[in-house]
Protein backbone atom coordinates (compact mmCIF):
# COMPACT_ATOMS: atom_id res chain seq x y z
CA MET A 1 8.53 52.89 -37.05
CA ASN A 2 7.65 49.65 -39.27
CA GLU A 3 5.00 49.97 -41.80
CA VAL A 4 1.68 48.45 -40.54
CA PHE A 5 -0.82 47.73 -43.31
CA ALA A 6 -4.63 47.66 -43.14
CA PRO A 7 -6.60 44.60 -44.01
CA ALA A 8 -5.78 43.93 -47.81
CA TRP A 9 -9.46 43.31 -48.64
CA VAL A 10 -10.51 46.82 -47.72
CA LYS A 11 -8.65 48.13 -51.00
CA ASP A 12 -10.91 46.24 -52.98
CA ALA A 13 -13.99 47.28 -50.77
CA VAL A 14 -16.93 49.27 -51.93
CA PHE A 15 -19.13 50.05 -48.75
CA TYR A 16 -22.71 50.74 -48.37
CA GLN A 17 -24.15 52.43 -45.43
CA ILE A 18 -27.43 51.32 -43.95
CA PHE A 19 -29.34 53.22 -41.43
CA PRO A 20 -31.44 50.11 -40.20
CA ASP A 21 -34.62 51.74 -39.08
CA ARG A 22 -35.18 53.30 -42.53
CA PHE A 23 -33.82 50.78 -45.05
CA CYS A 24 -36.30 48.11 -45.21
CA ARG A 25 -39.10 46.49 -42.89
CA SER A 26 -39.87 42.98 -43.67
CA LEU A 27 -43.21 41.66 -42.59
CA ARG A 28 -41.55 38.16 -41.85
CA TYR A 29 -40.28 39.71 -38.48
CA LYS A 30 -43.05 41.10 -36.35
CA ALA A 31 -41.65 43.40 -33.51
CA VAL A 32 -44.01 44.18 -30.67
CA GLY A 33 -45.04 47.70 -30.75
CA ARG A 34 -46.41 50.46 -33.21
CA PHE A 35 -44.41 52.06 -35.93
CA VAL A 36 -45.23 55.18 -38.12
CA ASP A 37 -46.06 54.53 -41.75
CA TRP A 38 -43.25 53.51 -44.29
CA GLY A 39 -42.60 56.79 -46.05
CA SER A 40 -43.73 59.09 -43.30
CA LYS A 41 -41.60 62.27 -42.62
CA PRO A 42 -38.85 61.28 -40.20
CA THR A 43 -38.42 63.12 -37.02
CA ARG A 44 -35.81 62.77 -34.10
CA GLU A 45 -38.24 60.55 -32.38
CA ASN A 46 -40.43 58.44 -34.53
CA MET A 47 -39.48 54.88 -35.57
CA PHE A 48 -40.38 53.15 -38.74
CA GLY A 49 -39.62 49.48 -37.80
CA GLY A 50 -36.96 48.57 -40.27
CA ASN A 51 -35.32 45.28 -39.27
CA LEU A 52 -32.42 43.07 -39.86
CA THR A 53 -34.67 40.54 -41.99
CA GLY A 54 -35.54 43.49 -44.24
CA ILE A 55 -31.91 43.92 -44.78
CA ALA A 56 -31.30 40.32 -45.54
CA ASP A 57 -34.21 40.41 -47.97
CA LYS A 58 -32.32 43.37 -49.78
CA LEU A 59 -28.68 41.98 -49.84
CA ASN A 60 -29.15 40.64 -53.47
CA TYR A 61 -30.01 44.36 -54.45
CA VAL A 62 -27.02 45.60 -52.58
CA ALA A 63 -24.77 42.91 -54.29
CA ASP A 64 -26.29 43.76 -57.77
CA LEU A 65 -24.89 47.22 -57.46
CA GLY A 66 -21.32 45.63 -56.94
CA VAL A 67 -21.06 46.38 -53.36
CA ASN A 68 -18.90 44.14 -51.25
CA ALA A 69 -18.93 45.44 -47.86
CA ILE A 70 -21.85 46.91 -45.52
CA TYR A 71 -21.32 49.53 -42.70
CA LEU A 72 -24.43 49.04 -40.51
CA CYS A 73 -25.37 51.88 -38.09
CA PRO A 74 -25.96 50.66 -34.54
CA ILE A 75 -27.89 47.67 -34.16
CA PHE A 76 -27.81 46.90 -30.47
CA LYS A 77 -30.55 47.47 -27.89
CA SER A 78 -31.62 51.15 -27.59
CA ASN A 79 -34.67 53.50 -27.17
CA SER A 80 -33.71 55.80 -30.12
CA ASN A 81 -34.33 55.24 -33.73
CA HIS A 82 -30.70 55.84 -34.49
CA ARG A 83 -29.54 53.56 -31.54
CA TYR A 84 -26.56 55.73 -30.57
CA HIS A 85 -28.15 55.54 -27.03
CA THR A 86 -27.02 51.81 -26.23
CA VAL A 87 -28.87 50.06 -23.52
CA ASP A 88 -27.21 46.73 -23.91
CA TYR A 89 -24.27 45.89 -26.19
CA PHE A 90 -24.56 42.37 -26.08
CA GLU A 91 -28.30 42.31 -27.45
CA ILE A 92 -29.83 42.95 -30.74
CA ASP A 93 -32.43 45.69 -30.50
CA PRO A 94 -35.93 43.76 -30.38
CA VAL A 95 -37.22 46.13 -32.93
CA LEU A 96 -34.60 44.84 -35.40
CA GLY A 97 -34.76 41.30 -34.62
CA THR A 98 -33.18 38.46 -32.78
CA MET A 99 -29.49 37.02 -32.55
CA THR A 100 -30.76 34.35 -34.96
CA ASP A 101 -31.76 37.07 -37.53
CA PHE A 102 -28.28 38.66 -37.14
CA ASP A 103 -26.50 35.28 -37.57
CA ARG A 104 -28.49 34.71 -40.70
CA LEU A 105 -27.85 38.25 -42.10
CA VAL A 106 -24.01 37.69 -41.63
CA LYS A 107 -24.20 34.28 -43.07
CA LYS A 108 -26.23 35.35 -46.20
CA ALA A 109 -24.05 38.38 -46.56
CA HIS A 110 -20.79 36.35 -46.46
CA LYS A 111 -22.23 33.90 -48.97
CA LEU A 112 -22.67 36.88 -51.37
CA GLY A 113 -19.19 38.00 -50.78
CA ILE A 114 -20.21 40.94 -48.66
CA ARG A 115 -18.37 41.86 -45.56
CA ILE A 116 -20.15 43.41 -42.34
CA VAL A 117 -18.92 46.30 -40.18
CA LEU A 118 -20.58 47.43 -37.09
CA ASP A 119 -20.95 50.57 -35.50
CA GLY A 120 -19.35 50.76 -32.09
CA VAL A 121 -20.51 53.52 -29.69
CA PHE A 122 -17.92 53.25 -26.81
CA ASN A 123 -17.75 56.57 -25.56
CA HIS A 124 -21.10 56.94 -24.09
CA CYS A 125 -24.25 54.80 -23.61
CA SER A 126 -27.83 55.46 -22.49
CA ARG A 127 -29.55 56.40 -19.31
CA GLY A 128 -31.12 52.99 -19.60
CA PHE A 129 -27.93 51.01 -19.63
CA PHE A 130 -28.02 48.90 -16.63
CA GLN A 131 -24.96 50.16 -14.91
CA PHE A 132 -25.96 53.99 -15.25
CA ASN A 133 -29.63 52.88 -14.18
CA SER A 134 -28.03 51.34 -11.04
CA LEU A 135 -26.52 54.91 -10.26
CA MET A 136 -30.07 56.59 -10.58
CA GLU A 137 -31.60 53.91 -8.24
CA LEU A 138 -28.63 53.53 -5.58
CA GLY A 139 -26.74 56.85 -5.89
CA LYS A 140 -23.19 56.85 -4.70
CA ASN A 141 -23.95 53.26 -3.14
CA SER A 142 -23.94 51.77 -6.56
CA PRO A 143 -21.20 49.27 -7.23
CA TYR A 144 -20.94 51.07 -10.59
CA ALA A 145 -20.59 54.59 -9.31
CA ASP A 146 -17.19 54.93 -10.85
CA TRP A 147 -18.09 53.80 -14.15
CA PHE A 148 -19.08 57.35 -15.14
CA HIS A 149 -18.12 60.81 -14.47
CA VAL A 150 -20.31 61.96 -11.51
CA LYS A 151 -19.94 65.46 -10.04
CA ALA A 152 -22.61 65.50 -7.41
CA TRP A 153 -25.30 63.41 -5.97
CA PRO A 154 -28.16 62.81 -6.71
CA LEU A 155 -27.98 62.43 -10.39
CA HIS A 156 -29.72 65.19 -12.44
CA ALA A 157 -30.54 62.76 -15.23
CA TYR A 158 -34.17 63.93 -16.19
CA SER A 159 -34.30 67.41 -14.90
CA GLY A 160 -32.03 70.30 -14.42
CA LYS A 161 -28.54 70.49 -15.61
CA PRO A 162 -26.85 67.20 -15.86
CA ASN A 163 -24.21 66.76 -12.94
CA TYR A 164 -22.23 64.16 -14.73
CA GLN A 165 -20.19 64.17 -17.88
CA CYS A 166 -22.14 63.37 -21.11
CA TRP A 167 -21.59 63.63 -24.65
CA TRP A 168 -22.16 67.43 -25.89
CA ASN A 169 -24.04 68.06 -22.46
CA MET A 170 -27.00 65.75 -23.45
CA PRO A 171 -28.29 64.12 -20.35
CA ALA A 172 -29.52 60.92 -22.39
CA LEU A 173 -25.81 60.27 -23.16
CA PRO A 174 -23.69 59.64 -19.98
CA LYS A 175 -19.94 59.24 -20.68
CA PHE A 176 -18.02 56.24 -19.73
CA ASN A 177 -15.18 56.56 -17.44
CA THR A 178 -12.78 54.59 -19.75
CA SER A 179 -9.84 54.77 -16.99
CA ASN A 180 -11.74 52.46 -14.99
CA PRO A 181 -10.18 49.00 -15.59
CA ASP A 182 -13.92 47.39 -15.34
CA VAL A 183 -15.35 49.71 -17.90
CA ARG A 184 -12.32 49.12 -20.32
CA GLU A 185 -12.57 45.17 -19.93
CA TYR A 186 -16.38 45.33 -20.57
CA LEU A 187 -16.00 47.25 -23.87
CA MET A 188 -13.06 45.10 -24.86
CA ARG A 189 -15.26 42.26 -24.55
CA VAL A 190 -17.99 43.86 -26.62
CA GLY A 191 -15.50 44.33 -29.42
CA GLU A 192 -14.44 40.65 -29.05
CA PHE A 193 -17.99 39.10 -28.81
CA TRP A 194 -19.27 40.56 -32.07
CA MET A 195 -16.00 39.70 -33.96
CA LYS A 196 -16.50 36.18 -32.78
CA ARG A 197 -19.99 36.29 -34.04
CA GLY A 198 -18.67 36.83 -37.53
CA ILE A 199 -18.48 40.51 -38.37
CA ASP A 200 -15.52 41.89 -40.25
CA GLY A 201 -14.71 45.04 -38.50
CA TRP A 202 -15.76 48.08 -36.54
CA ARG A 203 -16.72 51.69 -37.38
CA LEU A 204 -16.15 53.69 -34.22
CA ASP A 205 -18.28 56.56 -33.09
CA VAL A 206 -16.52 59.77 -31.90
CA PRO A 207 -13.30 57.88 -30.98
CA ASN A 208 -11.53 61.08 -30.51
CA GLU A 209 -13.86 61.58 -27.34
CA ILE A 210 -12.07 58.86 -25.61
CA ASP A 211 -8.72 60.78 -25.46
CA ASP A 212 -6.47 57.93 -24.63
CA ASP A 213 -4.36 56.15 -27.11
CA SER A 214 -3.76 53.15 -25.00
CA PHE A 215 -7.44 52.51 -24.99
CA TRP A 216 -7.61 52.15 -28.77
CA GLN A 217 -4.27 50.44 -28.78
CA GLU A 218 -5.78 47.75 -26.51
CA PHE A 219 -8.94 47.65 -28.61
CA ARG A 220 -7.03 47.14 -31.80
CA CYS A 221 -5.09 44.26 -30.20
CA ARG A 222 -8.01 42.51 -28.67
CA VAL A 223 -9.88 42.76 -31.96
CA LYS A 224 -7.16 41.78 -34.26
CA ALA A 225 -6.46 38.64 -31.93
CA VAL A 226 -9.92 37.40 -33.04
CA ASN A 227 -9.51 38.37 -36.51
CA PRO A 228 -6.20 39.76 -37.89
CA GLN A 229 -8.38 40.95 -40.99
CA ALA A 230 -10.66 42.99 -39.09
CA TYR A 231 -11.08 46.53 -40.42
CA ILE A 232 -10.99 49.13 -37.67
CA VAL A 233 -12.24 52.65 -38.87
CA GLY A 234 -12.70 55.85 -36.90
CA GLU A 235 -15.04 58.71 -37.18
CA ILE A 236 -12.63 61.56 -37.33
CA TRP A 237 -13.73 64.75 -38.89
CA ASP A 238 -10.42 66.72 -38.80
CA ASP A 239 -6.56 65.73 -39.22
CA PRO A 240 -6.23 61.84 -38.89
CA ALA A 241 -2.58 61.52 -38.39
CA ARG A 242 -2.69 60.90 -34.75
CA TRP A 243 -4.75 57.62 -35.22
CA LEU A 244 -2.95 56.34 -38.25
CA GLN A 245 0.25 55.18 -36.77
CA GLY A 246 -0.49 51.58 -37.25
CA ASP A 247 -1.27 50.92 -33.55
CA GLN A 248 -4.98 52.30 -33.37
CA PHE A 249 -7.20 52.37 -36.72
CA ASP A 250 -6.67 51.28 -40.05
CA GLY A 251 -8.40 54.16 -41.43
CA VAL A 252 -10.81 57.11 -40.92
CA MET A 253 -14.15 58.03 -42.38
CA ASN A 254 -12.53 60.88 -44.77
CA TYR A 255 -14.54 63.95 -43.74
CA VAL A 256 -11.60 65.94 -45.00
CA PHE A 257 -12.27 64.78 -48.48
CA ARG A 258 -16.04 65.17 -48.14
CA LYS A 259 -15.60 68.84 -46.98
CA ALA A 260 -13.22 69.81 -49.96
CA VAL A 261 -15.66 68.40 -52.52
CA MET A 262 -18.59 70.13 -50.84
CA ALA A 263 -16.72 73.32 -50.73
CA TYR A 264 -15.77 73.01 -54.45
CA LEU A 265 -18.94 71.70 -56.06
CA PHE A 266 -21.96 72.40 -53.86
CA GLU A 267 -21.43 75.74 -52.11
CA ASN A 268 -22.86 79.08 -53.48
CA GLU A 269 -19.55 80.50 -53.01
CA PRO A 270 -17.09 77.80 -54.05
CA ILE A 271 -13.40 77.65 -53.15
CA SER A 272 -11.18 77.94 -56.19
CA THR A 273 -9.85 74.93 -58.31
CA GLU A 274 -6.23 75.51 -56.92
CA GLU A 275 -7.64 75.57 -53.42
CA PHE A 276 -9.60 72.34 -54.28
CA CYS A 277 -6.37 70.70 -55.31
CA VAL A 278 -4.58 71.50 -52.34
CA ARG A 279 -7.20 70.31 -49.96
CA LEU A 280 -7.67 67.19 -51.93
CA ARG A 281 -4.02 66.34 -51.57
CA GLY A 282 -4.27 67.19 -47.88
CA ALA A 283 -7.22 64.70 -47.47
CA PHE A 284 -4.62 61.59 -47.73
CA PRO A 285 -1.60 62.69 -45.39
CA GLN A 286 -1.15 58.90 -44.56
CA PHE A 287 0.21 58.46 -48.15
CA ARG A 288 4.02 58.73 -48.84
CA TYR A 289 5.53 59.80 -51.96
CA SER A 290 8.53 58.32 -53.54
CA SER A 291 10.09 57.38 -56.91
CA LEU A 292 8.13 54.34 -56.85
CA GLY A 293 4.94 56.04 -56.28
CA GLN A 294 2.34 56.01 -53.43
CA ARG A 295 2.27 53.46 -50.71
CA PRO A 296 -0.34 53.47 -47.87
CA ALA A 297 1.39 53.41 -44.54
CA GLY A 298 -1.00 51.63 -42.23
CA ASP A 299 -4.23 53.22 -43.50
CA ILE A 300 -7.20 52.74 -45.97
CA PRO A 301 -9.74 55.56 -45.41
CA MET A 302 -13.46 55.24 -45.91
CA ASN A 303 -14.20 58.04 -48.38
CA LEU A 304 -17.66 59.37 -48.28
CA LEU A 305 -19.90 62.04 -49.78
CA GLY A 306 -22.98 61.50 -47.34
CA SER A 307 -23.86 59.84 -44.13
CA HIS A 308 -26.68 59.82 -41.51
CA ASP A 309 -24.87 62.97 -40.15
CA THR A 310 -24.91 65.09 -43.53
CA SER A 311 -27.50 66.45 -45.98
CA ARG A 312 -27.89 64.20 -48.87
CA LEU A 313 -25.98 65.15 -52.33
CA LYS A 314 -29.28 65.96 -54.15
CA SER A 315 -30.35 68.50 -51.60
CA GLN A 316 -26.99 70.40 -51.43
CA PRO A 317 -27.23 74.14 -52.29
CA CYS A 318 -25.77 73.90 -55.96
CA SER A 319 -26.70 70.24 -56.59
CA ASP A 320 -27.44 69.27 -60.10
CA GLU A 321 -26.80 65.85 -61.97
CA ALA A 322 -23.37 66.67 -63.44
CA ARG A 323 -22.14 67.76 -60.00
CA VAL A 324 -23.41 64.69 -58.25
CA ARG A 325 -21.87 62.59 -61.03
CA LEU A 326 -18.49 64.25 -60.67
CA ALA A 327 -18.33 63.91 -57.04
CA MET A 328 -19.08 60.30 -57.15
CA ALA A 329 -16.50 59.95 -59.75
CA LEU A 330 -13.96 61.61 -57.51
CA MET A 331 -14.80 59.46 -54.61
CA PHE A 332 -14.19 56.25 -56.58
CA PHE A 333 -10.93 57.87 -58.05
CA MET A 334 -9.57 58.44 -54.52
CA PRO A 335 -7.23 55.99 -52.49
CA GLY A 336 -9.17 53.97 -50.06
CA ALA A 337 -12.50 52.49 -50.02
CA PRO A 338 -15.64 54.43 -51.56
CA CYS A 339 -18.76 54.31 -49.10
CA ILE A 340 -22.30 55.01 -50.77
CA TYR A 341 -25.04 56.21 -48.17
CA TYR A 342 -28.00 54.13 -48.66
CA GLY A 343 -30.61 55.65 -51.44
CA ASP A 344 -27.87 58.11 -52.90
CA GLU A 345 -27.72 55.66 -55.75
CA LEU A 346 -31.47 56.28 -56.29
CA GLY A 347 -31.21 60.08 -56.32
CA MET A 348 -32.90 60.27 -52.65
CA GLU A 349 -33.38 63.77 -51.19
CA GLY A 350 -32.84 64.91 -47.49
CA GLY A 351 -31.72 67.89 -45.69
CA LYS A 352 -30.19 68.09 -42.24
CA ASP A 353 -30.77 65.40 -39.61
CA PRO A 354 -33.60 63.88 -39.41
CA ASP A 355 -34.52 64.66 -43.03
CA ASN A 356 -31.53 62.88 -44.52
CA ARG A 357 -32.85 59.73 -42.89
CA ARG A 358 -35.87 59.06 -44.94
CA THR A 359 -37.00 55.40 -45.70
CA ILE A 360 -36.24 53.76 -49.23
CA PRO A 361 -39.69 53.62 -51.28
CA TRP A 362 -39.15 50.06 -52.36
CA GLU A 363 -42.35 49.96 -54.18
CA LYS A 364 -40.96 52.54 -56.43
CA LEU A 365 -37.59 50.97 -56.93
CA LYS A 366 -37.80 50.43 -60.72
CA GLU A 367 -38.65 53.98 -61.31
CA MET A 368 -35.87 55.27 -59.11
CA GLN A 369 -33.38 53.25 -60.86
CA LYS A 370 -33.97 55.12 -64.05
CA ASN A 371 -32.32 57.93 -62.29
CA PRO A 372 -28.99 58.37 -64.36
CA VAL A 373 -27.00 58.44 -61.20
CA TYR A 374 -27.92 54.79 -60.47
CA ASP A 375 -26.41 53.59 -63.70
CA TRP A 376 -23.30 55.86 -63.07
CA ILE A 377 -22.65 54.53 -59.71
CA CYS A 378 -22.75 50.87 -61.09
CA ASP A 379 -20.50 51.74 -63.91
CA LEU A 380 -17.98 53.48 -61.37
CA ILE A 381 -18.11 50.22 -59.09
CA ALA A 382 -17.35 48.21 -62.36
CA LEU A 383 -14.57 50.46 -63.37
CA ARG A 384 -12.96 50.17 -60.20
CA LYS A 385 -13.11 46.46 -60.19
CA GLN A 386 -11.54 46.39 -63.60
CA GLU A 387 -8.87 48.79 -63.01
CA PRO A 388 -6.39 47.82 -60.28
CA ALA A 389 -4.83 51.32 -60.49
CA LEU A 390 -7.95 52.64 -58.94
CA ARG A 391 -7.53 50.47 -55.94
CA HIS A 392 -3.70 50.19 -55.66
CA GLY A 393 -2.08 52.68 -57.74
CA SER A 394 -0.37 56.11 -57.11
CA LEU A 395 -2.25 59.39 -56.90
CA ALA A 396 -1.49 62.45 -58.78
CA VAL A 397 -3.69 65.74 -58.53
CA GLU A 398 -2.92 68.03 -61.42
CA ASN A 399 -4.08 71.54 -61.30
CA ARG A 400 -4.54 73.29 -64.61
CA GLU A 401 -5.89 76.72 -65.55
CA ASP A 402 -9.27 75.42 -66.88
CA GLY A 403 -9.75 72.63 -64.32
CA PHE A 404 -7.83 69.80 -62.94
CA ALA A 405 -7.12 66.07 -63.29
CA ILE A 406 -6.81 63.08 -61.09
CA VAL A 407 -4.26 60.49 -62.19
CA ARG A 408 -4.20 56.91 -60.73
CA SER A 409 -1.43 54.74 -62.25
CA LEU A 410 -0.06 51.35 -61.69
CA ASP A 411 2.63 49.13 -63.61
CA GLY A 412 2.35 51.52 -66.53
CA ARG A 413 -1.50 51.48 -66.56
CA ILE A 414 -3.01 54.89 -66.22
CA VAL A 415 -6.67 55.71 -65.39
CA LYS A 416 -7.52 59.46 -65.45
CA LEU A 417 -10.43 61.92 -64.70
CA ASP A 418 -10.16 65.09 -66.47
CA VAL A 419 -12.31 68.01 -65.23
CA TYR A 420 -12.66 71.28 -66.93
CA TRP A 421 -14.85 74.41 -66.82
CA ALA A 422 -16.17 75.70 -70.08
CA PRO A 423 -16.53 79.45 -70.48
CA GLY A 424 -19.87 80.50 -68.93
CA ALA A 425 -20.56 76.89 -67.80
CA ILE A 426 -22.51 76.49 -64.64
CA SER A 427 -21.49 72.95 -64.08
CA PRO A 428 -18.12 71.23 -64.66
CA CYS A 429 -17.47 69.00 -67.66
CA PHE A 430 -15.44 65.79 -67.13
CA ALA A 431 -14.33 62.72 -69.05
CA ILE A 432 -12.38 59.44 -67.81
CA SER A 433 -9.73 57.91 -69.86
CA LYS A 434 -7.61 54.99 -69.91
CA ARG A 435 -4.22 54.22 -71.33
């Protein structure tokens, strides 16, 4: 097949993931309702009232890190704090703001050289989604009865075992029938609508749950017709090869890479260095090797160490400063685009969901920026921008008896990350060299 390349800008991108409800609450936007105090303990249900104006207010902070792309968790109308229960795909959640606030955010971000990628939840919706609500009101007589996978009537949406397909058997998340042409057209129009509104791409939630290559092939064509430089990245936790043939996604969230780093640096019973090197090479199956080096074939992964679905680095079983710093260095040395989970640069803690979704204590920002990891991330971002080899070069993973090395090279320029374990050392030692 012909090689199909992802948008060139992504190779130079450093992403920053924002969970809107917990990032920043600006008092310049007043949402109707009551919210818990900023800094309270997060639960699965409570809402803090973070908003789009707050994100816009902190764009300079994001830009000062060196970040040039933001991945926003869902912002559409929803009745959950994470907004993966979509009520209306064409409306901004009123807790977050208005369409005008969204337009201002995109405009300001673009002015600062920051691209915006939205989270698309197209496998399932909320019970409050209009068409599903119609099923609850009208039953099998609803004109939208075949928008979903209903097994029996009436629906058991709020009591008993759900008698319709839903994500992970959660009745609050009815699954779309994407084989229905009306459903497909609705979701395609969602993809186009927000692209025309100025976004730069889509992060797709659980796209493997829509087990239909033609759906994503059409989605890609429709989105790219609006903006050929749109980045389409899928949330795939395992082997991504199926999705990276150049006709569906430009990349995946690289959880294979993350799992390897966690198993090697942060588990009580770590894998061997040899096994880690094997897994690390396997985390980038989309790369071809030749005498000319490595060339990406239709894919640029979004490499990550933390997200709204994982415990934070600082709260891992064997976490310490050296391991966190090395993990970050590994991410910035990998092919693809690194993605920082909001607050990791400030050394924020957080266990499993929902504890990993704490608010940023902006009143303590200067104190938190003294965390050595903050300067380290800024340095890594600067290094990546200075060294084309880290963005476009070949990759070699060299296993040694006392450690390993990551080597990126381009046009004779080599940037190397050497890692070794001193006898009896609890944490690894590492150094970056250039020649």
